[in-house]
Amino acid sequence: MKEVVEILAKALVDNPDQVIVDQNATERTVHLQLTVAPEDMGKVIGKQGKIANAIRTIVKAAAVKDGRRIIVDIDQ
């Protein structure tokens, strides 16, 4: 899941070298922390959060196969 978020975020931003994805996993939950440059926050979040919600939807759909819950947080 970490790789999927990283690939999507790097494709959206102007500074792909500043994209960092941290992963903390428990038995049933995976928490992904996406960090981007401050000037790229708008590109990752999108208008009314549509891009952020799309990223979360894609990752959650991929996680259904594993039977895990995915949480994606976006920070600068």
N, C-alpha and C. Protein backbone atom coordinates (compact mmCIF):
# COMPACT_ATOMS: atom_id res chain seq x y z
N MET A 1 0.81 -1.19 0.00
CA MET A 1 0.00 0.00 0.00
C MET A 1 0.86 1.26 0.00
N LYS A 2 1.96 1.19 0.73
CA LYS A 2 2.86 2.34 0.82
C LYS A 2 3.35 2.75 -0.57
N GLU A 3 3.69 1.78 -1.39
CA GLU A 3 4.20 2.06 -2.72
C GLU A 3 3.14 2.71 -3.61
N VAL A 4 1.90 2.28 -3.47
CA VAL A 4 0.81 2.84 -4.26
C VAL A 4 0.63 4.32 -3.94
N VAL A 5 0.60 4.66 -2.67
CA VAL A 5 0.44 6.07 -2.26
C VAL A 5 1.63 6.89 -2.74
N GLU A 6 2.82 6.33 -2.62
CA GLU A 6 4.02 7.06 -3.04
C GLU A 6 4.02 7.33 -4.54
N ILE A 7 3.66 6.37 -5.34
CA ILE A 7 3.61 6.54 -6.79
C ILE A 7 2.56 7.59 -7.18
N LEU A 8 1.38 7.51 -6.57
CA LEU A 8 0.32 8.47 -6.87
C LEU A 8 0.74 9.89 -6.49
N ALA A 9 1.31 10.04 -5.30
CA ALA A 9 1.70 11.37 -4.83
C ALA A 9 2.81 11.96 -5.68
N LYS A 10 3.80 11.16 -6.03
CA LYS A 10 4.91 11.67 -6.84
C LYS A 10 4.44 12.11 -8.23
N ALA A 11 3.41 11.47 -8.74
CA ALA A 11 2.87 11.85 -10.05
C ALA A 11 2.12 13.19 -9.98
N LEU A 12 1.65 13.56 -8.80
CA LEU A 12 0.83 14.78 -8.67
C LEU A 12 1.63 16.03 -8.35
N VAL A 13 2.76 15.91 -7.67
CA VAL A 13 3.45 17.07 -7.12
C VAL A 13 4.57 17.58 -8.03
N ASP A 14 5.03 18.81 -7.75
CA ASP A 14 6.15 19.41 -8.47
C ASP A 14 7.49 18.98 -7.88
N ASN A 15 7.50 18.59 -6.61
CA ASN A 15 8.73 18.19 -5.91
C ASN A 15 8.63 16.72 -5.48
N PRO A 16 8.76 15.78 -6.41
CA PRO A 16 8.59 14.36 -6.04
C PRO A 16 9.65 13.85 -5.09
N ASP A 17 10.81 14.52 -5.03
CA ASP A 17 11.86 14.08 -4.11
C ASP A 17 11.52 14.38 -2.65
N GLN A 18 10.52 15.23 -2.41
CA GLN A 18 10.13 15.57 -1.04
C GLN A 18 8.91 14.77 -0.56
N VAL A 19 8.48 13.80 -1.34
CA VAL A 19 7.36 12.95 -0.95
C VAL A 19 7.89 11.85 -0.03
N ILE A 20 7.29 11.76 1.15
CA ILE A 20 7.67 10.74 2.13
C ILE A 20 6.41 10.03 2.59
N VAL A 21 6.44 8.71 2.59
CA VAL A 21 5.32 7.92 3.07
C VAL A 21 5.82 7.02 4.19
N ASP A 22 5.29 7.23 5.39
CA ASP A 22 5.62 6.39 6.54
C ASP A 22 4.47 5.44 6.79
N GLN A 23 4.81 4.22 7.19
CA GLN A 23 3.79 3.20 7.42
C GLN A 23 3.93 2.62 8.81
N ASN A 24 2.81 2.58 9.52
CA ASN A 24 2.72 1.92 10.82
C ASN A 24 1.60 0.89 10.70
N ALA A 25 1.92 -0.35 10.99
CA ALA A 25 0.93 -1.41 10.80
C ALA A 25 0.70 -2.17 12.10
N THR A 26 -0.56 -2.50 12.33
CA THR A 26 -0.93 -3.42 13.38
C THR A 26 -1.54 -4.64 12.70
N GLU A 27 -2.13 -5.51 13.48
CA GLU A 27 -2.69 -6.73 12.91
C GLU A 27 -3.81 -6.45 11.91
N ARG A 28 -4.68 -5.50 12.21
CA ARG A 28 -5.85 -5.24 11.37
C ARG A 28 -5.84 -3.87 10.68
N THR A 29 -4.91 -2.99 11.05
CA THR A 29 -4.93 -1.62 10.55
C THR A 29 -3.55 -1.22 10.02
N VAL A 30 -3.56 -0.49 8.92
CA VAL A 30 -2.34 0.10 8.38
C VAL A 30 -2.55 1.61 8.34
N HIS A 31 -1.63 2.35 8.96
CA HIS A 31 -1.71 3.80 9.01
C HIS A 31 -0.59 4.35 8.13
N LEU A 32 -0.95 5.08 7.07
CA LEU A 32 0.02 5.68 6.16
C LEU A 32 0.04 7.19 6.37
N GLN A 33 1.23 7.74 6.54
CA GLN A 33 1.41 9.17 6.74
C GLN A 33 2.12 9.72 5.50
N LEU A 34 1.41 10.49 4.68
CA LEU A 34 1.96 11.07 3.47
C LEU A 34 2.41 12.49 3.78
N THR A 35 3.69 12.78 3.52
CA THR A 35 4.23 14.11 3.75
C THR A 35 4.74 14.66 2.42
N VAL A 36 4.31 15.88 2.09
CA VAL A 36 4.74 16.54 0.86
C VAL A 36 5.21 17.95 1.19
N ALA A 37 5.85 18.60 0.22
CA ALA A 37 6.29 19.98 0.39
C ALA A 37 5.07 20.89 0.58
N PRO A 38 5.22 21.95 1.37
CA PRO A 38 4.07 22.85 1.62
C PRO A 38 3.43 23.40 0.35
N GLU A 39 4.23 23.68 -0.67
CA GLU A 39 3.66 24.23 -1.91
C GLU A 39 2.91 23.18 -2.73
N ASP A 40 3.06 21.91 -2.39
CA ASP A 40 2.37 20.84 -3.10
C ASP A 40 1.11 20.34 -2.40
N MET A 41 0.80 20.89 -1.24
CA MET A 41 -0.36 20.42 -0.48
C MET A 41 -1.66 20.55 -1.28
N GLY A 42 -1.83 21.65 -1.96
CA GLY A 42 -3.05 21.86 -2.74
C GLY A 42 -3.21 20.85 -3.87
N LYS A 43 -2.11 20.43 -4.45
CA LYS A 43 -2.16 19.47 -5.55
C LYS A 43 -2.52 18.08 -5.06
N VAL A 44 -2.11 17.75 -3.85
CA VAL A 44 -2.41 16.43 -3.30
C VAL A 44 -3.82 16.39 -2.73
N ILE A 45 -4.28 17.49 -2.16
CA ILE A 45 -5.61 17.52 -1.57
C ILE A 45 -6.68 17.78 -2.63
N GLY A 46 -6.44 18.72 -3.53
CA GLY A 46 -7.40 19.02 -4.59
C GLY A 46 -8.55 19.87 -4.08
N LYS A 47 -9.40 20.30 -5.01
CA LYS A 47 -10.55 21.11 -4.64
C LYS A 47 -11.52 20.29 -3.81
N GLN A 48 -11.87 20.83 -2.66
CA GLN A 48 -12.80 20.19 -1.73
C GLN A 48 -12.34 18.79 -1.33
N GLY A 49 -11.02 18.52 -1.41
CA GLY A 49 -10.48 17.25 -0.97
C GLY A 49 -10.72 16.09 -1.92
N LYS A 50 -11.05 16.38 -3.17
CA LYS A 50 -11.40 15.31 -4.11
C LYS A 50 -10.21 14.41 -4.45
N ILE A 51 -9.02 14.99 -4.62
CA ILE A 51 -7.84 14.18 -4.93
C ILE A 51 -7.48 13.31 -3.73
N ALA A 52 -7.50 13.89 -2.53
CA ALA A 52 -7.19 13.13 -1.32
C ALA A 52 -8.17 11.98 -1.13
N ASN A 53 -9.44 12.24 -1.37
CA ASN A 53 -10.44 11.18 -1.24
C ASN A 53 -10.24 10.09 -2.30
N ALA A 54 -9.82 10.48 -3.50
CA ALA A 54 -9.55 9.50 -4.55
C ALA A 54 -8.38 8.61 -4.18
N ILE A 55 -7.33 9.20 -3.62
CA ILE A 55 -6.17 8.41 -3.17
C ILE A 55 -6.61 7.43 -2.10
N ARG A 56 -7.39 7.90 -1.14
CA ARG A 56 -7.86 7.02 -0.06
C ARG A 56 -8.73 5.89 -0.62
N THR A 57 -9.58 6.19 -1.59
CA THR A 57 -10.45 5.17 -2.18
C THR A 57 -9.64 4.10 -2.90
N ILE A 58 -8.64 4.51 -3.66
CA ILE A 58 -7.80 3.54 -4.37
C ILE A 58 -7.07 2.63 -3.40
N VAL A 59 -6.51 3.20 -2.35
CA VAL A 59 -5.76 2.41 -1.38
C VAL A 59 -6.68 1.47 -0.61
N LYS A 60 -7.85 1.95 -0.24
CA LYS A 60 -8.80 1.10 0.48
C LYS A 60 -9.28 -0.05 -0.39
N ALA A 61 -9.49 0.21 -1.68
CA ALA A 61 -9.90 -0.86 -2.59
C ALA A 61 -8.82 -1.91 -2.70
N ALA A 62 -7.57 -1.50 -2.73
CA ALA A 62 -6.46 -2.45 -2.79
C ALA A 62 -6.31 -3.23 -1.48
N ALA A 63 -6.70 -2.63 -0.37
CA ALA A 63 -6.54 -3.27 0.94
C ALA A 63 -7.63 -4.29 1.23
N VAL A 64 -8.72 -4.26 0.51
CA VAL A 64 -9.82 -5.19 0.75
C VAL A 64 -9.32 -6.63 0.58
N LYS A 65 -8.41 -6.82 -0.35
CA LYS A 65 -7.84 -8.14 -0.61
C LYS A 65 -7.14 -8.69 0.64
N ASP A 66 -6.48 -7.83 1.39
CA ASP A 66 -5.76 -8.24 2.59
C ASP A 66 -6.66 -8.31 3.83
N GLY A 67 -7.85 -7.76 3.74
CA GLY A 67 -8.75 -7.73 4.89
C GLY A 67 -8.30 -6.77 5.97
N ARG A 68 -7.61 -5.72 5.57
CA ARG A 68 -7.11 -4.74 6.53
C ARG A 68 -7.80 -3.39 6.34
N ARG A 69 -7.73 -2.58 7.35
CA ARG A 69 -8.27 -1.22 7.31
C ARG A 69 -7.10 -0.28 7.05
N ILE A 70 -7.26 0.65 6.13
CA ILE A 70 -6.21 1.59 5.76
C ILE A 70 -6.62 3.00 6.16
N ILE A 71 -5.69 3.72 6.78
CA ILE A 71 -5.90 5.12 7.13
C ILE A 71 -4.79 5.91 6.45
N VAL A 72 -5.15 6.93 5.66
CA VAL A 72 -4.17 7.76 4.98
C VAL A 72 -4.31 9.18 5.49
N ASP A 73 -3.24 9.70 6.08
CA ASP A 73 -3.18 11.09 6.54
C ASP A 73 -2.19 11.85 5.67
N ILE A 74 -2.50 13.12 5.39
CA ILE A 74 -1.66 13.95 4.55
C ILE A 74 -1.16 15.13 5.38
N ASP A 75 0.16 15.31 5.41
CA ASP A 75 0.78 16.42 6.16
C ASP A 75 1.76 17.13 5.26
N GLN A 76 2.17 18.31 5.74
CA GLN A 76 3.22 19.04 5.03
C GLN A 76 4.48 19.08 5.84
